[in-house]
Amino acid sequence: MPTILRIGSYRFHFYSNEGNEPPHIHVRSVEGECKFWLDPVMLAKNRGIKAQDLRIIERLVYEYHQLLIEKYHEFHNG
């Protein structure tokens, strides 16, 4: 499960067994974990993360979108 970014208490990572899904990123915090699709950016799943933190995470996904897409393809297709 490679970590792509760490920003504050958020860890952005992939799971190795999900290469058959569309590009996405998992984000873990002390509260739980969420998953965002990357194209288009959209919340796919949330387990325990508060709405205000989801908005912050979504903003970070947009901010680092190009990097996340590149790393997703490197990891799953590389």
PDB file of N, CA and C in Angstrom:
ATOM      1  N   MET A   1       0.849  -1.169   0.000  1.00  0.00           N
ATOM      2  CA  MET A   1       0.000   0.000   0.000  1.00  0.00           C
ATOM      3  C   MET A   1       0.896   1.233   0.000  1.00  0.00           C
ATOM      4  N   PRO A   2       1.289   1.691  -1.178  1.00  0.00           N
ATOM      5  CA  PRO A   2       2.215   2.830  -1.246  1.00  0.00           C
ATOM      6  C   PRO A   2       1.548   4.147  -0.854  1.00  0.00           C
ATOM      7  N   THR A   3       2.276   4.910  -0.069  1.00  0.00           N
ATOM      8  CA  THR A   3       1.834   6.249   0.313  1.00  0.00           C
ATOM      9  C   THR A   3       2.325   7.228  -0.745  1.00  0.00           C
ATOM     10  N   ILE A   4       1.418   8.037  -1.252  1.00  0.00           N
ATOM     11  CA  ILE A   4       1.739   9.017  -2.287  1.00  0.00           C
ATOM     12  C   ILE A   4       2.021  10.386  -1.675  1.00  0.00           C
ATOM     13  N   LEU A   5       1.199  10.775  -0.707  1.00  0.00           N
ATOM     14  CA  LEU A   5       1.349  12.071  -0.032  1.00  0.00           C
ATOM     15  C   LEU A   5       1.005  11.925   1.436  1.00  0.00           C
ATOM     16  N   ARG A   6       1.622  12.772   2.233  1.00  0.00           N
ATOM     17  CA  ARG A   6       1.209  12.984   3.626  1.00  0.00           C
ATOM     18  C   ARG A   6       1.067  14.484   3.791  1.00  0.00           C
ATOM     19  N   ILE A   7      -0.143  14.896   4.139  1.00  0.00           N
ATOM     20  CA  ILE A   7      -0.415  16.312   4.357  1.00  0.00           C
ATOM     21  C   ILE A   7      -1.163  16.407   5.678  1.00  0.00           C
ATOM     22  N   GLY A   8      -0.530  17.017   6.662  1.00  0.00           N
ATOM     23  CA  GLY A   8      -1.126  17.070   7.991  1.00  0.00           C
ATOM     24  C   GLY A   8      -1.383  15.663   8.485  1.00  0.00           C
ATOM     25  N   SER A   9      -2.610  15.401   8.899  1.00  0.00           N
ATOM     26  CA  SER A   9      -2.964  14.067   9.405  1.00  0.00           C
ATOM     27  C   SER A   9      -3.517  13.159   8.315  1.00  0.00           C
ATOM     28  N   TYR A  10      -3.443  13.597   7.062  1.00  0.00           N
ATOM     29  CA  TYR A  10      -4.000  12.822   5.950  1.00  0.00           C
ATOM     30  C   TYR A  10      -2.897  12.054   5.220  1.00  0.00           C
ATOM     31  N   ARG A  11      -3.147  10.778   4.991  1.00  0.00           N
ATOM     32  CA  ARG A  11      -2.224   9.941   4.217  1.00  0.00           C
ATOM     33  C   ARG A  11      -2.935   9.483   2.956  1.00  0.00           C
ATOM     34  N   PHE A  12      -2.422   9.860   1.808  1.00  0.00           N
ATOM     35  CA  PHE A  12      -2.984   9.513   0.504  1.00  0.00           C
ATOM     36  C   PHE A  12      -2.265   8.267   0.008  1.00  0.00           C
ATOM     37  N   HIS A  13      -3.021   7.219  -0.307  1.00  0.00           N
ATOM     38  CA  HIS A  13      -2.387   5.956  -0.690  1.00  0.00           C
ATOM     39  C   HIS A  13      -3.263   5.145  -1.638  1.00  0.00           C
ATOM     40  N   PHE A  14      -2.652   4.096  -2.205  1.00  0.00           N
ATOM     41  CA  PHE A  14      -3.347   3.126  -3.048  1.00  0.00           C
ATOM     42  C   PHE A  14      -3.314   1.768  -2.379  1.00  0.00           C
ATOM     43  N   TYR A  15      -4.235   0.914  -2.764  1.00  0.00           N
ATOM     44  CA  TYR A  15      -4.169  -0.509  -2.423  1.00  0.00           C
ATOM     45  C   TYR A  15      -3.739  -1.254  -3.682  1.00  0.00           C
ATOM     46  N   SER A  16      -2.923  -2.261  -3.524  1.00  0.00           N
ATOM     47  CA  SER A  16      -2.339  -2.933  -4.681  1.00  0.00           C
ATOM     48  C   SER A  16      -3.325  -3.800  -5.454  1.00  0.00           C
ATOM     49  N   ASN A  17      -4.416  -4.203  -4.845  1.00  0.00           N
ATOM     50  CA  ASN A  17      -5.344  -5.128  -5.508  1.00  0.00           C
ATOM     51  C   ASN A  17      -6.527  -4.428  -6.167  1.00  0.00           C
ATOM     52  N   GLU A  18      -6.404  -3.146  -6.500  1.00  0.00           N
ATOM     53  CA  GLU A  18      -7.532  -2.400  -7.058  1.00  0.00           C
ATOM     54  C   GLU A  18      -7.251  -1.823  -8.445  1.00  0.00           C
ATOM     55  N   GLY A  19      -6.332  -2.430  -9.173  1.00  0.00           N
ATOM     56  CA  GLY A  19      -5.971  -1.909 -10.475  1.00  0.00           C
ATOM     57  C   GLY A  19      -7.050  -2.043 -11.529  1.00  0.00           C
ATOM     58  N   ASN A  20      -8.076  -2.843 -11.256  1.00  0.00           N
ATOM     59  CA  ASN A  20      -9.157  -3.005 -12.233  1.00  0.00           C
ATOM     60  C   ASN A  20     -10.248  -1.942 -12.070  1.00  0.00           C
ATOM     61  N   GLU A  21     -10.118  -1.056 -11.104  1.00  0.00           N
ATOM     62  CA  GLU A  21     -11.082   0.029 -10.896  1.00  0.00           C
ATOM     63  C   GLU A  21     -10.600   1.285 -11.618  1.00  0.00           C
ATOM     64  N   PRO A  22     -11.503   2.231 -11.845  1.00  0.00           N
ATOM     65  CA  PRO A  22     -11.067   3.522 -12.400  1.00  0.00           C
ATOM     66  C   PRO A  22     -10.072   4.198 -11.444  1.00  0.00           C
ATOM     67  N   PRO A  23      -9.270   5.143 -11.936  1.00  0.00           N
ATOM     68  CA  PRO A  23      -8.296   5.827 -11.080  1.00  0.00           C
ATOM     69  C   PRO A  23      -8.955   6.439  -9.844  1.00  0.00           C
ATOM     70  N   HIS A  24      -8.339   6.194  -8.694  1.00  0.00           N
ATOM     71  CA  HIS A  24      -8.864   6.691  -7.429  1.00  0.00           C
ATOM     72  C   HIS A  24      -7.741   6.780  -6.407  1.00  0.00           C
ATOM     73  N   ILE A  25      -8.037   7.421  -5.290  1.00  0.00           N
ATOM     74  CA  ILE A  25      -7.087   7.565  -4.191  1.00  0.00           C
ATOM     75  C   ILE A  25      -7.818   7.309  -2.882  1.00  0.00           C
ATOM     76  N   HIS A  26      -7.134   6.639  -1.961  1.00  0.00           N
ATOM     77  CA  HIS A  26      -7.651   6.443  -0.608  1.00  0.00           C
ATOM     78  C   HIS A  26      -6.958   7.457   0.289  1.00  0.00           C
ATOM     79  N   VAL A  27      -7.688   7.985   1.254  1.00  0.00           N
ATOM     80  CA  VAL A  27      -7.120   8.941   2.196  1.00  0.00           C
ATOM     81  C   VAL A  27      -7.502   8.494   3.598  1.00  0.00           C
ATOM     82  N   ARG A  28      -6.479   8.275   4.423  1.00  0.00           N
ATOM     83  CA  ARG A  28      -6.693   7.839   5.796  1.00  0.00           C
ATOM     84  C   ARG A  28      -6.345   8.989   6.733  1.00  0.00           C
ATOM     85  N   SER A  29      -7.159   9.110   7.781  1.00  0.00           N
ATOM     86  CA  SER A  29      -6.885  10.061   8.854  1.00  0.00           C
ATOM     87  C   SER A  29      -7.140   9.326  10.172  1.00  0.00           C
ATOM     88  N   VAL A  30      -6.967  10.023  11.270  1.00  0.00           N
ATOM     89  CA  VAL A  30      -7.201   9.388  12.566  1.00  0.00           C
ATOM     90  C   VAL A  30      -8.673   9.012  12.742  1.00  0.00           C
ATOM     91  N   GLU A  31      -9.564   9.677  12.018  1.00  0.00           N
ATOM     92  CA  GLU A  31     -11.007   9.420  12.136  1.00  0.00           C
ATOM     93  C   GLU A  31     -11.480   8.234  11.313  1.00  0.00           C
ATOM     94  N   GLY A  32     -10.813   7.957  10.194  1.00  0.00           N
ATOM     95  CA  GLY A  32     -11.286   6.901   9.310  1.00  0.00           C
ATOM     96  C   GLY A  32     -10.601   6.959   7.968  1.00  0.00           C
ATOM     97  N   GLU A  33     -11.331   6.554   6.933  1.00  0.00           N
ATOM     98  CA  GLU A  33     -10.773   6.523   5.586  1.00  0.00           C
ATOM     99  C   GLU A  33     -11.852   6.856   4.567  1.00  0.00           C
ATOM    100  N   CYS A  34     -11.418   7.520   3.496  1.00  0.00           N
ATOM    101  CA  CYS A  34     -12.329   7.800   2.392  1.00  0.00           C
ATOM    102  C   CYS A  34     -11.630   7.453   1.079  1.00  0.00           C
ATOM    103  N   LYS A  35     -12.421   7.419   0.031  1.00  0.00           N
ATOM    104  CA  LYS A  35     -11.915   7.100  -1.302  1.00  0.00           C
ATOM    105  C   LYS A  35     -12.516   8.107  -2.272  1.00  0.00           C
ATOM    106  N   PHE A  36     -11.659   8.674  -3.125  1.00  0.00           N
ATOM    107  CA  PHE A  36     -12.110   9.616  -4.146  1.00  0.00           C
ATOM    108  C   PHE A  36     -11.763   9.071  -5.514  1.00  0.00           C
ATOM    109  N   TRP A  37     -12.743   9.090  -6.424  1.00  0.00           N
ATOM    110  CA  TRP A  37     -12.455   8.852  -7.831  1.00  0.00           C
ATOM    111  C   TRP A  37     -11.657  10.051  -8.321  1.00  0.00           C
ATOM    112  N   LEU A  38     -10.777   9.830  -9.292  1.00  0.00           N
ATOM    113  CA  LEU A  38      -9.929  10.914  -9.791  1.00  0.00           C
ATOM    114  C   LEU A  38     -10.371  11.492 -11.125  1.00  0.00           C
ATOM    115  N   ASP A  39     -11.252  10.799 -11.853  1.00  0.00           N
ATOM    116  CA  ASP A  39     -11.663  11.309 -13.160  1.00  0.00           C
ATOM    117  C   ASP A  39     -13.116  10.944 -13.444  1.00  0.00           C
ATOM    118  N   PRO A  40     -14.041  11.796 -13.098  1.00  0.00           N
ATOM    119  CA  PRO A  40     -13.890  13.095 -12.448  1.00  0.00           C
ATOM    120  C   PRO A  40     -13.697  12.927 -10.945  1.00  0.00           C
ATOM    121  N   VAL A  41     -13.204  13.978 -10.303  1.00  0.00           N
ATOM    122  CA  VAL A  41     -13.011  13.942  -8.851  1.00  0.00           C
ATOM    123  C   VAL A  41     -14.378  13.890  -8.193  1.00  0.00           C
ATOM    124  N   MET A  42     -14.553  12.831  -7.379  1.00  0.00           N
ATOM    125  CA  MET A  42     -15.850  12.625  -6.730  1.00  0.00           C
ATOM    126  C   MET A  42     -15.655  11.657  -5.563  1.00  0.00           C
ATOM    127  N   LEU A  43     -16.318  11.927  -4.463  1.00  0.00           N
ATOM    128  CA  LEU A  43     -16.260  11.026  -3.319  1.00  0.00           C
ATOM    129  C   LEU A  43     -16.886   9.690  -3.687  1.00  0.00           C
ATOM    130  N   ALA A  44     -16.154   8.609  -3.466  1.00  0.00           N
ATOM    131  CA  ALA A  44     -16.656   7.262  -3.761  1.00  0.00           C
ATOM    132  C   ALA A  44     -17.115   6.545  -2.510  1.00  0.00           C
ATOM    133  N   LYS A  45     -16.407   6.777  -1.395  1.00  0.00           N
ATOM    134  CA  LYS A  45     -16.732   6.059  -0.165  1.00  0.00           C
ATOM    135  C   LYS A  45     -16.181   6.840   1.019  1.00  0.00           C
ATOM    136  N   ASN A  46     -16.889   6.777   2.133  1.00  0.00           N
ATOM    137  CA  ASN A  46     -16.426   7.424   3.352  1.00  0.00           C
ATOM    138  C   ASN A  46     -16.743   6.540   4.541  1.00  0.00           C
ATOM    139  N   ARG A  47     -15.745   6.333   5.373  1.00  0.00           N
ATOM    140  CA  ARG A  47     -15.945   5.599   6.621  1.00  0.00           C
ATOM    141  C   ARG A  47     -15.363   6.412   7.765  1.00  0.00           C
ATOM    142  N   GLY A  48     -16.194   7.246   8.380  1.00  0.00           N
ATOM    143  CA  GLY A  48     -15.818   7.916   9.609  1.00  0.00           C
ATOM    144  C   GLY A  48     -15.242   9.309   9.512  1.00  0.00           C
ATOM    145  N   ILE A  49     -15.002   9.819   8.337  1.00  0.00           N
ATOM    146  CA  ILE A  49     -14.414  11.154   8.218  1.00  0.00           C
ATOM    147  C   ILE A  49     -15.522  12.196   8.188  1.00  0.00           C
ATOM    148  N   LYS A  50     -15.368  13.232   9.009  1.00  0.00           N
ATOM    149  CA  LYS A  50     -16.379  14.289   9.117  1.00  0.00           C
ATOM    150  C   LYS A  50     -16.479  15.093   7.819  1.00  0.00           C
ATOM    151  N   ALA A  51     -17.661  15.664   7.597  1.00  0.00           N
ATOM    152  CA  ALA A  51     -17.937  16.426   6.370  1.00  0.00           C
ATOM    153  C   ALA A  51     -16.937  17.561   6.169  1.00  0.00           C
ATOM    154  N   GLN A  52     -16.587  18.275   7.218  1.00  0.00           N
ATOM    155  CA  GLN A  52     -15.651  19.391   7.068  1.00  0.00           C
ATOM    156  C   GLN A  52     -14.273  18.902   6.621  1.00  0.00           C
ATOM    157  N   ASP A  53     -13.859  17.735   7.101  1.00  0.00           N
ATOM    158  CA  ASP A  53     -12.579  17.173   6.666  1.00  0.00           C
ATOM    159  C   ASP A  53     -12.666  16.641   5.241  1.00  0.00           C
ATOM    160  N   LEU A  54     -13.821  16.112   4.857  1.00  0.00           N
ATOM    161  CA  LEU A  54     -13.994  15.660   3.473  1.00  0.00           C
ATOM    162  C   LEU A  54     -13.829  16.815   2.492  1.00  0.00           C
ATOM    163  N   ARG A  55     -14.321  17.989   2.862  1.00  0.00           N
ATOM    164  CA  ARG A  55     -14.162  19.161   1.988  1.00  0.00           C
ATOM    165  C   ARG A  55     -12.686  19.536   1.851  1.00  0.00           C
ATOM    166  N   ILE A  56     -11.946  19.449   2.941  1.00  0.00           N
ATOM    167  CA  ILE A  56     -10.504  19.736   2.902  1.00  0.00           C
ATOM    168  C   ILE A  56      -9.799  18.714   2.019  1.00  0.00           C
ATOM    169  N   ILE A  57     -10.122  17.442   2.220  1.00  0.00           N
ATOM    170  CA  ILE A  57      -9.505  16.375   1.436  1.00  0.00           C
ATOM    171  C   ILE A  57      -9.839  16.544  -0.042  1.00  0.00           C
ATOM    172  N   GLU A  58     -11.090  16.855  -0.353  1.00  0.00           N
ATOM    173  CA  GLU A  58     -11.478  17.057  -1.744  1.00  0.00           C
ATOM    174  C   GLU A  58     -10.669  18.187  -2.374  1.00  0.00           C
ATOM    175  N   ARG A  59     -10.486  19.262  -1.641  1.00  0.00           N
ATOM    176  CA  ARG A  59      -9.677  20.384  -2.142  1.00  0.00           C
ATOM    177  C   ARG A  59      -8.246  19.927  -2.414  1.00  0.00           C
ATOM    178  N   LEU A  60      -7.690  19.100  -1.523  1.00  0.00           N
ATOM    179  CA  LEU A  60      -6.336  18.584  -1.712  1.00  0.00           C
ATOM    180  C   LEU A  60      -6.255  17.641  -2.911  1.00  0.00           C
ATOM    181  N   VAL A  61      -7.294  16.848  -3.119  1.00  0.00           N
ATOM    182  CA  VAL A  61      -7.325  15.959  -4.290  1.00  0.00           C
ATOM    183  C   VAL A  61      -7.296  16.801  -5.567  1.00  0.00           C
ATOM    184  N   TYR A  62      -8.061  17.881  -5.605  1.00  0.00           N
ATOM    185  CA  TYR A  62      -8.018  18.773  -6.773  1.00  0.00           C
ATOM    186  C   TYR A  62      -6.638  19.419  -6.919  1.00  0.00           C
ATOM    187  N   GLU A  63      -6.068  19.861  -5.803  1.00  0.00           N
ATOM    188  CA  GLU A  63      -4.778  20.545  -5.838  1.00  0.00           C
ATOM    189  C   GLU A  63      -3.658  19.629  -6.351  1.00  0.00           C
ATOM    190  N   TYR A  64      -3.696  18.366  -5.954  1.00  0.00           N
ATOM    191  CA  TYR A  64      -2.646  17.409  -6.323  1.00  0.00           C
ATOM    192  C   TYR A  64      -3.119  16.419  -7.384  1.00  0.00           C
ATOM    193  N   HIS A  65      -4.167  16.771  -8.096  1.00  0.00           N
ATOM    194  CA  HIS A  65      -4.806  15.864  -9.048  1.00  0.00           C
ATOM    195  C   HIS A  65      -3.830  15.270 -10.061  1.00  0.00           C
ATOM    196  N   GLN A  66      -3.025  16.092 -10.691  1.00  0.00           N
ATOM    197  CA  GLN A  66      -2.105  15.599 -11.720  1.00  0.00           C
ATOM    198  C   GLN A  66      -1.124  14.583 -11.137  1.00  0.00           C
ATOM    199  N   LEU A  67      -0.552  14.879  -9.996  1.00  0.00           N
ATOM    200  CA  LEU A  67       0.370  13.953  -9.337  1.00  0.00           C
ATOM    201  C   LEU A  67      -0.319  12.639  -8.998  1.00  0.00           C
ATOM    202  N   LEU A  68      -1.524  12.711  -8.456  1.00  0.00           N
ATOM    203  CA  LEU A  68      -2.256  11.507  -8.051  1.00  0.00           C
ATOM    204  C   LEU A  68      -2.576  10.627  -9.256  1.00  0.00           C
ATOM    205  N   ILE A  69      -2.996  11.233 -10.357  1.00  0.00           N
ATOM    206  CA  ILE A  69      -3.272  10.473 -11.586  1.00  0.00           C
ATOM    207  C   ILE A  69      -1.997   9.802 -12.094  1.00  0.00           C
ATOM    208  N   GLU A  70      -0.901  10.562 -12.144  1.00  0.00           N
ATOM    209  CA  GLU A  70       0.366   9.997 -12.630  1.00  0.00           C
ATOM    210  C   GLU A  70       0.809   8.825 -11.768  1.00  0.00           C
ATOM    211  N   LYS A  71       0.766   8.994 -10.458  1.00  0.00           N
ATOM    212  CA  LYS A  71       1.207   7.935  -9.546  1.00  0.00           C
ATOM    213  C   LYS A  71       0.284   6.725  -9.615  1.00  0.00           C
ATOM    214  N   TYR A  72      -0.999   6.962  -9.812  1.00  0.00           N
ATOM    215  CA  TYR A  72      -1.942   5.849  -9.950  1.00  0.00           C
ATOM    216  C   TYR A  72      -1.552   4.995 -11.158  1.00  0.00           C
ATOM    217  N   HIS A  73      -1.331   5.631 -12.290  1.00  0.00           N
ATOM    218  CA  HIS A  73      -0.994   4.895 -13.506  1.00  0.00           C
ATOM    219  C   HIS A  73       0.389   4.236 -13.404  1.00  0.00           C
ATOM    220  N   GLU A  74       1.342   4.910 -12.800  1.00  0.00           N
ATOM    221  CA  GLU A  74       2.668   4.308 -12.579  1.00  0.00           C
ATOM    222  C   GLU A  74       2.538   3.039 -11.751  1.00  0.00           C
ATOM    223  N   PHE A  75       1.781   3.118 -10.678  1.00  0.00           N
ATOM    224  CA  PHE A  75       1.662   1.986  -9.754  1.00  0.00           C
ATOM    225  C   PHE A  75       0.875   0.834 -10.359  1.00  0.00           C
ATOM    226  N   HIS A  76      -0.248   1.123 -10.998  1.00  0.00           N
ATOM    227  CA  HIS A  76      -1.118   0.065 -11.475  1.00  0.00           C
ATOM    228  C   HIS A  76      -0.791  -0.405 -12.888  1.00  0.00           C
ATOM    229  N   ASN A  77      -0.087   0.395 -13.670  1.00  0.00           N
ATOM    230  CA  ASN A  77       0.232  -0.006 -15.045  1.00  0.00           C
ATOM    231  C   ASN A  77       1.735  -0.153 -15.268  1.00  0.00           C
ATOM    232  N   GLY A  78       2.525   0.260 -14.277  1.00  0.00           N
ATOM    233  CA  GLY A  78       3.959   0.329 -14.453  1.00  0.00           C
ATOM    234  C   GLY A  78       4.656  -0.944 -14.298  1.00  0.00           C
TER     235      GLY A  78
END
